[in-house]
């Protein structure tokens, strides 16, 4: 009897004829026919008597007949298996923008599994073939433990180019972290290795442009976790010896995955540099620490293309700690419990991640290696270079994103400010004028009081010089105060000899007349004006005589 536990082994001629067939290993069809046999001693296949000592009462031809048929099918399937060069295709494991990726085996010179990427049928134009070859050349430049290596290349029988890469028998980095329940420190350590691999690619002049969990595969080797960056299918060349016309995607062509895409890549800028990969790495770390991407797919799926690009370029995601706190308030997860609802990420981790995913490429880490160094400093409790944004920077970026709103608000604020300044100025002037008038009034009241005190005694009042009296009467308009003083002055000077100082007497009596007139004292006003006219008439005659002489 022959074992049927390994049909492939039997097909290769290495079967062991001494093994015993167990009951559950028999082909189902044989057992069914055995149950249907009308005679327990007659073989249904060969119509010969079944030997009494036959195992399980089966004729040898029944046991081996189906087995031989199954072996023939296995051999036929083996003969029909698709081969590419020296590699036998096992199954399809992925698909990129230009090619399909298959799991394959190579038996010569050694037996191992590889990932074989073949150009898609139907897009094998001359330009695409050259581009596919350029990707192969880019991968061949790299030799790093965290980047999938390339081993071989060639063309299929149909003329489609292919190249053979290292097969990473692992899980994408996000699922790997979840499956092994890695804590925050272990996730960061794993991610640092990814940064080293991407930095190696950058040093070789290659920008990945599609870094995401499914393009970072992690395997466990000897108890150690080893991540490898794969799929450089839409990479961009920056090295001088790589053909830029082949490696650089056409201008304005959108390539990559939106949730991990840098703003400049989303806006289809031709000026893509290594900081674009730094942004994608930041999004990947954000997801490893929180379980979600900075800008969720749900935020983008209902938007028009141009709105999607604007959201990626302008929307500032919450800090990882704030995102975890929000998640914990709705439904606690393993990550929220591990980070104490995000509290463990506050400070350095928040700053590092937000620096990497800054919308302004000038504020990101210059290289993936700088990113890794800051994370390593955090793990060793050393100072990090990332710092929170200043309030002025935050406002400046807000103003750039909302120019129309800020301009309108600024105009309103300016109008309010101008109005406030004008109001304050007018108020200040009014207060100044009021103070000035108050001072003048106070000064006049003081002078009037002085006059009142001085004239309390008629003899003392009369003793004032004419000039002093006239000036004192001129400096105040308080008629009620001046009227009694004027009456005393009129009585005192009515009969006084004028002498040569007639001009002062004329002005004094005229002032006394004005005071009486304002006080509605017609009689005394008439007397004062008459006295002034009399002195003027006398003075006029004297002056005329002086002129004649």
Protein backbone atom coordinates (compact mmCIF):
# COMPACT_ATOMS: atom_id res chain seq x y z
CA UNK A 1 0.00 0.00 0.00
CA UNK A 2 1.05 3.59 -0.69
CA UNK A 3 0.40 6.57 1.58
CA UNK A 4 -1.78 9.30 0.09
CA UNK A 5 -0.96 11.86 2.74
CA UNK A 6 1.31 13.69 0.31
CA UNK A 7 0.20 13.35 -3.29
CA UNK A 8 2.82 15.75 -4.46
CA UNK A 9 5.49 13.53 -2.89
CA UNK A 10 4.07 10.50 -4.64
CA UNK A 11 3.95 12.40 -7.94
CA UNK A 12 7.63 13.20 -7.58
CA UNK A 13 8.40 9.45 -7.19
CA UNK A 14 9.38 9.62 -3.54
CA UNK A 15 6.42 7.69 -2.11
CA UNK A 16 6.97 4.97 0.48
CA UNK A 17 5.39 1.69 -0.56
CA UNK A 18 5.59 0.25 2.94
CA UNK A 19 3.22 2.75 4.55
CA UNK A 20 -0.22 1.57 5.58
CA UNK A 21 -3.31 3.37 4.32
CA UNK A 22 -5.49 4.56 7.16
CA UNK A 23 -9.27 4.36 6.77
CA UNK A 24 -9.79 8.13 6.58
CA UNK A 25 -7.18 8.33 3.79
CA UNK A 26 -9.07 6.27 1.25
CA UNK A 27 -10.68 8.13 -1.66
CA UNK A 28 -14.31 8.82 -0.94
CA UNK A 29 -15.43 7.28 -4.25
CA UNK A 30 -13.82 3.91 -3.36
CA UNK A 31 -15.52 3.70 0.02
CA UNK A 32 -18.82 4.63 -1.58
CA UNK A 33 -18.50 1.85 -4.14
CA UNK A 34 -17.49 -0.61 -1.40
CA UNK A 35 -20.68 0.18 0.48
CA UNK A 36 -22.71 -0.34 -2.68
CA UNK A 37 -21.26 -3.77 -3.51
CA UNK A 38 -24.02 -6.30 -3.80
CA UNK A 39 -21.64 -9.12 -2.95
CA UNK A 40 -19.06 -8.64 -0.25
CA UNK A 41 -16.70 -11.09 -2.06
CA UNK A 42 -16.98 -9.62 -5.58
CA UNK A 43 -14.90 -6.60 -6.68
CA UNK A 44 -17.02 -3.91 -8.28
CA UNK A 45 -14.16 -2.74 -10.47
CA UNK A 46 -12.54 -5.93 -11.74
CA UNK A 47 -15.42 -8.36 -11.01
CA UNK A 48 -12.95 -10.68 -9.32
CA UNK A 49 -13.37 -12.30 -5.89
CA UNK A 50 -11.95 -10.24 -3.07
CA UNK A 51 -9.25 -12.12 -1.10
CA UNK A 52 -10.30 -13.06 2.39
CA UNK A 53 -7.17 -11.47 3.87
CA UNK A 54 -7.58 -8.21 1.94
CA UNK A 55 -7.24 -5.21 4.30
CA UNK A 56 -10.65 -3.83 5.20
CA UNK A 57 -12.20 -6.27 2.74
CA UNK A 58 -11.15 -4.22 -0.29
CA UNK A 59 -9.78 -5.48 -3.55
CA UNK A 60 -6.29 -4.10 -4.25
CA UNK A 61 -7.46 -2.64 -7.55
CA UNK A 62 -10.12 -0.71 -5.72
CA UNK A 63 -7.63 0.73 -3.26
CA UNK A 64 -5.02 1.61 -5.88
CA UNK A 65 -7.37 2.44 -8.76
CA UNK A 66 -8.63 5.80 -7.41
CA UNK A 67 -5.23 6.52 -5.96
CA UNK A 68 -3.61 6.14 -9.33
CA UNK A 69 -6.27 8.36 -10.89
CA UNK A 70 -5.63 11.03 -8.26
CA UNK A 71 -1.87 10.76 -8.85
CA UNK A 72 -2.41 11.20 -12.57
CA UNK A 73 -4.48 14.31 -11.92
CA UNK A 74 -1.75 15.71 -9.67
CA UNK A 75 0.87 14.98 -12.32
CA UNK A 76 -1.29 16.58 -15.01
CA UNK A 77 -1.84 19.67 -12.82
CA UNK A 78 1.89 19.83 -12.16
CA UNK A 79 2.60 19.66 -15.88
CA UNK A 80 0.08 22.44 -16.54
CA UNK A 81 1.41 24.76 -13.78
CA UNK A 82 2.44 28.19 -15.03
CA UNK A 83 6.14 28.82 -15.07
CA UNK A 84 8.11 31.99 -15.62
CA UNK A 85 11.68 31.15 -16.43
CA UNK A 86 13.03 28.98 -13.66
CA UNK A 87 10.20 29.96 -11.33
CA UNK A 88 6.95 28.10 -10.74
CA UNK A 89 3.95 30.30 -9.97
CA UNK A 90 2.00 29.28 -6.87
CA UNK A 91 -0.58 32.02 -6.47
CA UNK A 92 -1.23 35.70 -6.95
CA UNK A 93 -0.48 37.75 -3.84
CA UNK A 94 -0.79 41.36 -4.98
CA UNK A 95 -1.23 43.89 -7.72
CA UNK A 96 0.41 47.25 -8.33
CA UNK A 97 -0.03 50.07 -10.78
CA UNK A 98 1.94 48.37 -13.56
CA UNK A 99 2.36 44.78 -12.52
CA UNK A 100 0.96 41.75 -10.78
CA UNK A 101 2.85 40.06 -7.95
CA UNK A 102 2.91 36.28 -7.58
CA UNK A 103 4.28 33.92 -4.99
CA UNK A 104 6.66 31.60 -6.80
CA UNK A 105 9.26 28.98 -6.03
CA UNK A 106 12.65 28.31 -7.48
CA UNK A 107 14.14 24.84 -7.29
CA UNK A 108 17.49 25.46 -8.93
CA UNK A 109 20.14 26.14 -7.79
CA UNK A 110 18.38 26.34 -4.38
CA UNK A 111 14.81 25.87 -3.31
CA UNK A 112 13.19 29.01 -1.98
CA UNK A 113 10.14 31.18 -2.24
CA UNK A 114 10.22 34.52 -4.01
CA UNK A 115 7.87 37.31 -5.04
CA UNK A 116 7.71 37.59 -8.81
CA UNK A 117 6.37 40.80 -10.36
CA UNK A 118 5.19 40.60 -13.96
CA UNK A 119 4.07 43.51 -16.11
CA UNK A 120 0.31 43.54 -16.58
CA UNK A 121 -0.91 42.24 -19.90
CA UNK A 122 -2.53 44.91 -22.03
CA UNK A 123 -0.43 47.88 -20.86
CA UNK A 124 2.87 46.62 -22.26
CA UNK A 125 3.61 49.69 -24.35
CA UNK A 126 7.21 50.62 -25.01
CA UNK A 127 7.07 53.48 -22.50
CA UNK A 128 5.54 51.32 -19.76
CA UNK A 129 8.07 48.55 -20.39
CA UNK A 130 10.87 51.09 -19.97
CA UNK A 131 9.22 52.41 -16.80
CA UNK A 132 8.92 48.87 -15.44
CA UNK A 133 12.58 48.32 -16.16
CA UNK A 134 13.44 51.56 -14.40
CA UNK A 135 11.65 50.31 -11.28
CA UNK A 136 13.73 47.14 -11.45
CA UNK A 137 16.87 49.22 -11.73
CA UNK A 138 15.83 51.37 -8.77
CA UNK A 139 15.23 48.31 -6.58
CA UNK A 140 18.51 46.78 -7.64
CA UNK A 141 20.34 49.80 -6.20
CA UNK A 142 19.15 49.10 -2.67
CA UNK A 143 20.67 46.70 -0.17
CA UNK A 144 19.19 47.12 3.28
CA UNK A 145 17.65 44.68 5.78
CA UNK A 146 14.49 46.80 5.93
CA UNK A 147 13.97 46.99 2.16
CA UNK A 148 12.85 44.00 0.08
CA UNK A 149 15.79 42.93 -2.13
CA UNK A 150 15.70 42.13 -5.85
CA UNK A 151 17.30 38.91 -7.10
CA UNK A 152 16.64 38.38 -10.77
CA UNK A 153 14.82 39.63 -13.85
CA UNK A 154 13.90 38.65 -17.36
CA UNK A 155 10.94 38.21 -19.71
CA UNK A 156 8.14 35.68 -19.97
CA UNK A 157 7.49 33.55 -23.07
CA UNK A 158 4.97 36.21 -24.07
CA UNK A 159 7.64 38.87 -23.87
CA UNK A 160 6.35 40.50 -20.67
CA UNK A 161 9.19 41.72 -18.44
CA UNK A 162 9.40 40.47 -14.87
CA UNK A 163 11.72 40.74 -11.92
CA UNK A 164 12.12 38.58 -8.86
CA UNK A 165 12.10 40.09 -5.37
CA UNK A 166 12.53 38.83 -1.87
CA UNK A 167 9.30 37.31 -0.58
CA UNK A 168 8.40 38.66 2.83
CA UNK A 169 6.33 36.02 4.55
CA UNK A 170 4.70 38.35 7.02
CA UNK A 171 1.84 40.69 7.83
CA UNK A 172 1.39 44.36 7.14
CA UNK A 173 2.72 46.47 9.99
CA UNK A 174 -0.63 47.64 11.36
CA UNK A 175 -2.13 44.15 11.53
CA UNK A 176 1.13 42.81 12.93
CA UNK A 177 1.07 45.32 15.82
CA UNK A 178 -2.55 44.45 16.54
CA UNK A 179 -1.98 40.69 16.31
CA UNK A 180 0.98 40.76 18.69
CA UNK A 181 -0.54 43.46 20.94
CA UNK A 182 2.64 45.53 20.82
CA UNK A 183 2.91 48.36 23.32
CA UNK A 184 3.73 51.93 22.33
CA UNK A 185 7.49 51.56 22.82
CA UNK A 186 7.67 48.39 20.70
CA UNK A 187 5.60 50.00 17.95
CA UNK A 188 7.97 52.95 17.86
CA UNK A 189 11.00 50.64 17.78
CA UNK A 190 9.48 48.77 14.85
CA UNK A 191 8.71 52.02 13.09
CA UNK A 192 12.26 53.32 13.54
CA UNK A 193 13.46 50.38 11.43
CA UNK A 194 11.01 51.42 8.70
CA UNK A 195 12.48 54.93 8.77
CA UNK A 196 15.98 53.46 8.35
CA UNK A 197 14.89 51.50 5.31
CA UNK A 198 13.17 54.51 3.70
CA UNK A 199 16.22 56.66 4.45
CA UNK A 200 18.41 54.08 2.67
CA UNK A 201 16.16 54.37 -0.39
CA UNK A 202 16.47 58.16 -0.24
CA UNK A 203 20.24 57.87 -0.12
CA UNK A 204 20.07 55.79 -3.28
CA UNK A 205 18.03 58.50 -4.94
CA UNK A 206 14.61 56.84 -4.64
CA UNK A 207 11.45 58.42 -3.20
CA UNK A 208 8.77 55.81 -2.44
CA UNK A 209 5.64 58.03 -2.59
CA UNK A 210 3.23 55.32 -1.43
CA UNK A 211 4.22 54.45 2.13
CA UNK A 212 1.29 52.82 3.94
CA UNK A 213 0.72 49.77 6.17
CA UNK A 214 0.24 47.33 3.26
CA UNK A 215 3.61 48.34 1.83
CA UNK A 216 5.46 47.58 5.07
CA UNK A 217 5.50 43.85 5.79
CA UNK A 218 6.72 42.49 9.12
CA UNK A 219 8.01 38.99 9.79
CA UNK A 220 9.32 37.33 12.94
CA UNK A 221 12.80 35.83 12.71
CA UNK A 222 14.45 34.23 15.73
CA UNK A 223 12.14 36.10 18.05
CA UNK A 224 12.99 39.44 16.41
CA UNK A 225 10.52 41.52 14.41
CA UNK A 226 11.82 42.59 11.01
CA UNK A 227 9.86 45.11 8.90
CA UNK A 228 10.57 45.47 5.19
CA UNK A 229 9.43 48.22 2.83
CA UNK A 230 8.03 46.84 -0.42
CA UNK A 231 6.45 48.05 -3.68
CA UNK A 232 8.43 50.91 -5.17
CA UNK A 233 6.12 50.80 -8.19
CA UNK A 234 5.37 54.55 -8.19
CA UNK A 235 8.69 55.70 -6.83
CA UNK A 236 10.42 58.81 -8.08
CA UNK A 237 14.08 58.95 -8.99
CA UNK A 238 16.29 61.79 -7.80
CA UNK A 239 19.68 60.21 -8.48
CA UNK A 240 21.55 61.54 -11.54
CA UNK A 241 22.28 58.10 -13.02
CA UNK A 242 18.61 57.06 -13.11
CA UNK A 243 16.52 58.06 -16.08
CA UNK A 244 14.24 60.77 -14.76
CA UNK A 245 12.00 60.55 -17.83
CA UNK A 246 11.18 56.97 -16.90
CA UNK A 247 11.00 57.12 -13.12
CA UNK A 248 9.13 60.38 -12.61
CA UNK A 249 5.41 60.04 -12.97
CA UNK A 250 3.87 62.35 -15.55
CA UNK A 251 3.14 65.89 -14.30
CA UNK A 252 -0.33 66.34 -12.77
CA UNK A 253 -0.78 62.57 -12.48
CA UNK A 254 -2.08 61.63 -9.05
CA UNK A 255 -0.26 58.64 -7.57
CA UNK A 256 -0.28 57.25 -4.06
CA UNK A 257 -2.90 56.68 -1.37
CA UNK A 258 -4.89 59.75 -0.33
CA UNK A 259 -4.92 59.15 3.43
CA UNK A 260 -1.10 59.00 3.50
CA UNK A 261 -0.40 61.54 0.77
CA UNK A 262 1.53 64.74 1.44
CA UNK A 263 -0.14 68.06 0.52
CA UNK A 264 2.33 68.75 -2.28
CA UNK A 265 1.76 65.27 -3.71
CA UNK A 266 -2.03 65.71 -3.45
CA UNK A 267 -1.77 69.04 -5.27
CA UNK A 268 0.19 67.17 -8.00
CA UNK A 269 3.26 69.33 -7.62
CA UNK A 270 6.19 68.23 -9.81
CA UNK A 271 8.54 69.26 -6.99
CA UNK A 272 8.37 66.16 -4.79
CA UNK A 273 11.30 65.50 -2.44
CA UNK A 274 12.14 63.20 0.47
CA UNK A 275 9.99 65.25 2.87
CA UNK A 276 6.95 63.85 1.05
CA UNK A 277 7.91 60.38 2.29
CA UNK A 278 8.54 61.86 5.75
CA UNK A 279 4.92 63.07 5.74
CA UNK A 280 3.67 59.59 4.75
CA UNK A 281 5.82 58.03 7.48
CA UNK A 282 4.26 60.45 9.96
CA UNK A 283 0.77 59.35 8.88
CA UNK A 284 1.83 55.73 9.29
CA UNK A 285 3.14 56.35 12.82
CA UNK A 286 -0.02 58.31 13.66
CA UNK A 287 -2.06 55.24 12.67
CA UNK A 288 0.16 52.84 14.61
CA UNK A 289 -0.27 54.95 17.75
CA UNK A 290 -3.98 55.76 17.48
CA UNK A 291 -5.44 53.08 15.21
CA UNK A 292 -6.70 55.67 12.70
CA UNK A 293 -5.13 57.84 10.02
CA UNK A 294 -4.81 61.63 10.53
CA UNK A 295 -7.38 62.38 7.83
CA UNK A 296 -9.89 59.54 7.70
CA UNK A 297 -11.23 57.99 4.54
CA UNK A 298 -14.76 58.91 5.67
CA UNK A 299 -13.75 62.57 5.56
CA UNK A 300 -12.67 62.27 1.93
CA UNK A 301 -15.01 59.79 0.25
CA UNK A 302 -17.97 62.20 -0.08
CA UNK A 303 -15.92 65.11 -1.44
CA UNK A 304 -15.19 66.18 -4.99
CA UNK A 305 -11.57 65.68 -6.13
CA UNK A 306 -10.61 69.33 -5.76
CA UNK A 307 -12.16 69.43 -2.28
CA UNK A 308 -10.19 66.31 -1.33
CA UNK A 309 -6.93 67.97 -2.33
CA UNK A 310 -7.87 71.11 -0.40
CA UNK A 311 -8.70 69.11 2.75
CA UNK A 312 -5.37 67.26 2.57
CA UNK A 313 -3.50 70.52 2.05
CA UNK A 314 -5.28 72.57 4.73
CA UNK A 315 -7.03 70.45 7.38
CA UNK A 316 -4.95 70.21 10.55
CA UNK A 317 -5.60 66.85 12.23
CA UNK A 318 -5.82 66.61 16.04
CA UNK A 319 -2.74 65.58 17.99
CA UNK A 320 -2.45 61.81 18.57
CA UNK A 321 -3.16 62.21 22.28
CA UNK A 322 -6.28 64.28 21.57
CA UNK A 323 -7.47 61.75 18.99
CA UNK A 324 -7.05 58.87 21.47
CA UNK A 325 -8.87 60.84 24.15
CA UNK A 326 -11.78 61.33 21.75
CA UNK A 327 -11.78 57.64 20.81
CA UNK A 328 -11.69 56.61 24.48
CA UNK A 329 -14.74 58.76 25.24
CA UNK A 330 -16.76 56.82 22.64
CA UNK A 331 -15.41 53.29 22.80
CA UNK A 332 -12.22 52.36 24.68
CA UNK A 333 -9.70 50.25 22.76
CA UNK A 334 -6.48 48.44 23.58
CA UNK A 335 -4.53 51.51 22.48
CA UNK A 336 -6.55 53.90 24.63
CA UNK A 337 -5.98 51.64 27.63
CA UNK A 338 -2.27 51.28 26.80
CA UNK A 339 -1.80 55.06 26.51
CA UNK A 340 -4.18 55.96 29.35
CA UNK A 341 -6.54 57.68 26.90
CA UNK A 342 -3.64 59.34 25.12
CA UNK A 343 -1.97 60.87 28.19
CA UNK A 344 1.26 58.94 27.57
CA UNK A 345 1.58 60.53 24.14
CA UNK A 346 1.31 64.11 25.34
CA UNK A 347 4.43 66.16 24.89
CA UNK A 348 7.29 64.61 22.93
CA UNK A 349 5.32 62.02 20.93
CA UNK A 350 2.67 64.56 19.95
CA UNK A 351 5.32 67.05 18.87
CA UNK A 352 7.31 64.47 16.90
CA UNK A 353 4.29 63.20 14.97
CA UNK A 354 2.89 66.66 14.27
CA UNK A 355 6.29 67.84 13.04
CA UNK A 356 6.43 64.93 10.58
CA UNK A 357 2.92 65.62 9.20
CA UNK A 358 3.26 69.39 9.06
CA UNK A 359 1.52 70.91 6.03
CA UNK A 360 4.58 73.10 5.51
CA UNK A 361 7.37 70.88 4.19
CA UNK A 362 9.98 73.30 5.53
CA UNK A 363 8.85 72.48 9.07
CA UNK A 364 9.05 68.70 8.69
CA UNK A 365 12.09 66.56 9.40
CA UNK A 366 14.59 67.02 6.61
CA UNK A 367 15.23 63.28 6.36
CA UNK A 368 13.64 60.03 7.51
CA UNK A 369 16.79 59.44 9.55
CA UNK A 370 16.19 62.68 11.51
CA UNK A 371 12.68 61.40 12.19
CA UNK A 372 14.10 58.11 13.50
CA UNK A 373 16.68 59.92 15.67
CA UNK A 374 14.02 61.99 17.41
CA UNK A 375 11.99 58.86 18.16
CA UNK A 376 15.10 57.12 19.47
CA UNK A 377 15.81 60.15 21.69
CA UNK A 378 12.28 59.88 23.09
CA UNK A 379 12.77 56.19 23.89
CA UNK A 380 15.98 57.02 25.77
CA UNK A 381 14.48 60.04 27.60
CA UNK A 382 16.68 62.50 25.73
CA UNK A 383 15.60 65.95 24.47
CA UNK A 384 13.86 65.93 21.08
CA UNK A 385 14.17 68.55 18.36
CA UNK A 386 10.42 68.75 17.73
CA UNK A 387 8.67 71.60 19.54
CA UNK A 388 5.06 72.82 19.55
CA UNK A 389 4.11 75.57 17.10
CA UNK A 390 4.00 79.15 18.39
CA UNK A 391 0.67 80.96 18.57
CA UNK A 392 1.85 83.42 15.91
CA UNK A 393 2.69 80.57 13.52
CA UNK A 394 -0.70 78.95 14.12
CA UNK A 395 -2.47 82.25 13.41
CA UNK A 396 -0.37 82.87 10.30
CA UNK A 397 -1.26 79.46 8.87
CA UNK A 398 -4.93 80.05 9.71
CA UNK A 399 -4.82 83.38 7.92
CA UNK A 400 -3.29 81.79 4.82
CA UNK A 401 -6.00 79.12 4.76
CA UNK A 402 -8.88 81.59 5.26
CA UNK A 403 -7.68 84.73 3.54
CA UNK A 404 -11.12 86.06 2.56
CA UNK A 405 -12.51 85.65 6.08
CA UNK A 406 -9.41 87.15 7.69
CA UNK A 407 -9.40 90.13 5.29
CA UNK A 408 -13.09 90.81 5.94
CA UNK A 409 -12.61 90.45 9.68
CA UNK A 410 -9.54 92.67 9.51
CA UNK A 411 -11.49 95.36 7.65
CA UNK A 412 -14.26 95.28 10.26
CA UNK A 413 -11.71 95.36 13.07
CA UNK A 414 -9.89 98.27 11.41
CA UNK A 415 -13.14 100.21 11.05
CA UNK A 416 -13.96 99.57 14.69
CA UNK A 417 -10.46 100.62 15.68
CA UNK A 418 -10.60 103.82 13.61
CA UNK A 419 -13.99 104.67 15.09
CA UNK A 420 -12.71 103.98 18.58
CA UNK A 421 -9.64 106.16 18.02
CA UNK A 422 -11.78 108.99 16.61
CA UNK A 423 -14.19 108.75 19.51
CA UNK A 424 -11.39 108.78 22.05
CA UNK A 425 -9.72 111.71 20.30
CA UNK A 426 -12.93 113.75 20.25
CA UNK A 427 -13.59 112.88 23.87
CA UNK A 428 -10.07 113.92 24.81
CA UNK A 429 -10.45 117.21 22.98
CA UNK A 430 -13.80 117.87 24.64
CA UNK A 431 -12.32 117.09 28.03
CA UNK A 432 -9.40 119.40 27.29
CA UNK A 433 -11.72 122.22 26.21
CA UNK A 434 -13.90 121.68 29.23
CA UNK A 435 -10.89 121.77 31.49
CA UNK A 436 -9.69 124.89 29.77
CA UNK A 437 -13.04 126.62 30.16
CA UNK A 438 -13.25 125.44 33.72
CA UNK A 439 -9.83 126.96 34.37
CA UNK A 440 -10.82 130.23 32.79
CA UNK A 441 -14.03 130.36 34.77
CA UNK A 442 -12.16 129.53 37.94
CA UNK A 443 -9.64 132.24 37.18
CA UNK A 444 -12.39 134.79 36.60
CA UNK A 445 -14.16 133.77 39.75
CA UNK A 446 -10.94 134.25 41.67
CA UNK A 447 -10.46 137.70 40.12
CA UNK A 448 -14.05 138.65 40.79
CA UNK A 449 -13.67 137.50 44.35
CA UNK A 450 -10.52 139.57 44.63
CA UNK A 451 -12.39 142.59 43.27
CA UNK A 452 -15.27 141.95 45.60
CA UNK A 453 -12.89 141.77 48.52
CA UNK A 454 -11.00 144.77 47.29
CA UNK A 455 -14.17 146.84 46.84
CA UNK A 456 -15.75 145.85 50.14
CA UNK A 457 -14.41 149.15 51.34
CA UNK A 458 -15.10 151.96 48.84
CA UNK A 459 -12.02 153.85 49.92
CA UNK A 460 -9.84 150.76 49.29
CA UNK A 461 -11.54 150.18 45.95
CA UNK A 462 -10.99 153.75 44.85
CA UNK A 463 -7.36 153.41 45.79
CA UNK A 464 -6.95 150.90 42.89
CA UNK A 465 -5.28 152.36 39.90
CA UNK A 466 -7.53 153.04 36.94
CA UNK A 467 -5.71 150.44 34.82
CA UNK A 468 -6.08 147.73 37.48
CA UNK A 469 -9.75 148.50 37.93
CA UNK A 470 -10.47 148.50 34.23
CA UNK A 471 -8.63 145.22 33.64
CA UNK A 472 -10.39 143.57 36.58
CA UNK A 473 -13.77 144.64 35.22
CA UNK A 474 -12.83 143.34 31.75
CA UNK A 475 -11.81 139.83 32.89
CA UNK A 476 -15.18 138.71 34.21
CA UNK A 477 -18.67 138.57 32.72
CA UNK A 478 -20.52 137.91 35.96
CA UNK A 479 -22.90 140.90 35.82
CA UNK A 480 -24.48 140.14 39.17
CA UNK A 481 -21.07 140.35 40.78
CA UNK A 482 -19.89 143.38 38.82
CA UNK A 483 -23.03 145.52 39.11
CA UNK A 484 -22.58 146.64 42.74
CA UNK A 485 -18.87 147.16 42.12
CA UNK A 486 -19.66 149.26 39.07
CA UNK A 487 -22.13 151.34 41.11
CA UNK A 488 -19.50 152.09 43.72
CA UNK A 489 -16.95 152.92 41.04
CA UNK A 490 -19.38 155.26 39.31
CA UNK A 491 -20.10 157.10 42.54
CA UNK A 492 -16.41 157.30 43.39
CA UNK A 493 -15.18 158.56 40.04
CA UNK A 494 -18.18 160.67 39.00
CA UNK A 495 -16.80 163.81 40.63
CA UNK A 496 -13.12 162.92 40.42
CA UNK A 497 -10.94 165.27 38.43
CA UNK A 498 -9.91 163.56 35.27
CA UNK A 499 -6.58 165.14 34.76
CA UNK A 500 -4.46 164.03 31.83
CA UNK A 501 -5.44 160.29 32.01
CA UNK A 502 -8.66 160.92 30.09
CA UNK A 503 -8.41 157.81 27.85
CA UNK A 504 -8.47 155.42 30.82
CA UNK A 505 -11.45 157.34 32.33
CA UNK A 506 -13.29 157.15 29.00
CA UNK A 507 -12.80 153.33 28.78
CA UNK A 508 -13.65 152.86 32.46
CA UNK A 509 -16.99 154.72 32.25
CA UNK A 510 -17.87 152.97 29.01
CA UNK A 511 -17.22 149.61 30.73
CA UNK A 512 -19.36 150.72 33.66
CA UNK A 513 -22.12 151.67 31.23
CA UNK A 514 -21.92 148.21 29.58
CA UNK A 515 -22.19 146.52 32.95
CA UNK A 516 -25.26 148.61 33.92
CA UNK A 517 -26.84 147.98 30.50
CA UNK A 518 -26.37 144.22 30.82
CA UNK A 519 -27.85 144.41 34.31
CA UNK A 520 -30.80 146.35 32.81
CA UNK A 521 -30.01 149.43 34.90
CA UNK A 522 -30.81 152.11 32.35
CA UNK A 523 -30.39 155.12 34.62
CA UNK A 524 -26.90 154.29 35.79
CA UNK A 525 -25.94 153.09 32.30
CA UNK A 526 -27.01 156.51 30.92
CA UNK A 527 -25.00 158.30 33.60
CA UNK A 528 -21.91 156.25 32.87
CA UNK A 529 -22.15 156.73 29.09
CA UNK A 530 -22.80 160.45 29.57
CA UNK A 531 -19.76 160.80 31.81
CA UNK A 532 -17.67 158.96 29.19
CA UNK A 533 -18.98 161.25 26.43
CA UNK A 534 -18.33 164.35 28.56
CA UNK A 535 -14.73 163.35 29.20
CA UNK A 536 -14.28 162.50 25.50
CA UNK A 537 -15.66 165.87 24.49
CA UNK A 538 -13.39 167.65 26.89
CA UNK A 539 -10.42 165.57 25.84
CA UNK A 540 -11.21 166.20 22.19
CA UNK A 541 -11.11 169.96 22.69
CA UNK A 542 -7.88 169.73 24.57
CA UNK A 543 -6.37 167.55 21.92
CA UNK A 544 -7.43 170.00 19.23
CA UNK A 545 -5.84 172.89 21.12
CA UNK A 546 -2.66 170.82 21.51
CA UNK A 547 -2.57 170.12 17.81
CA UNK A 548 -3.10 173.85 16.97
CA UNK A 549 -0.20 174.78 19.21
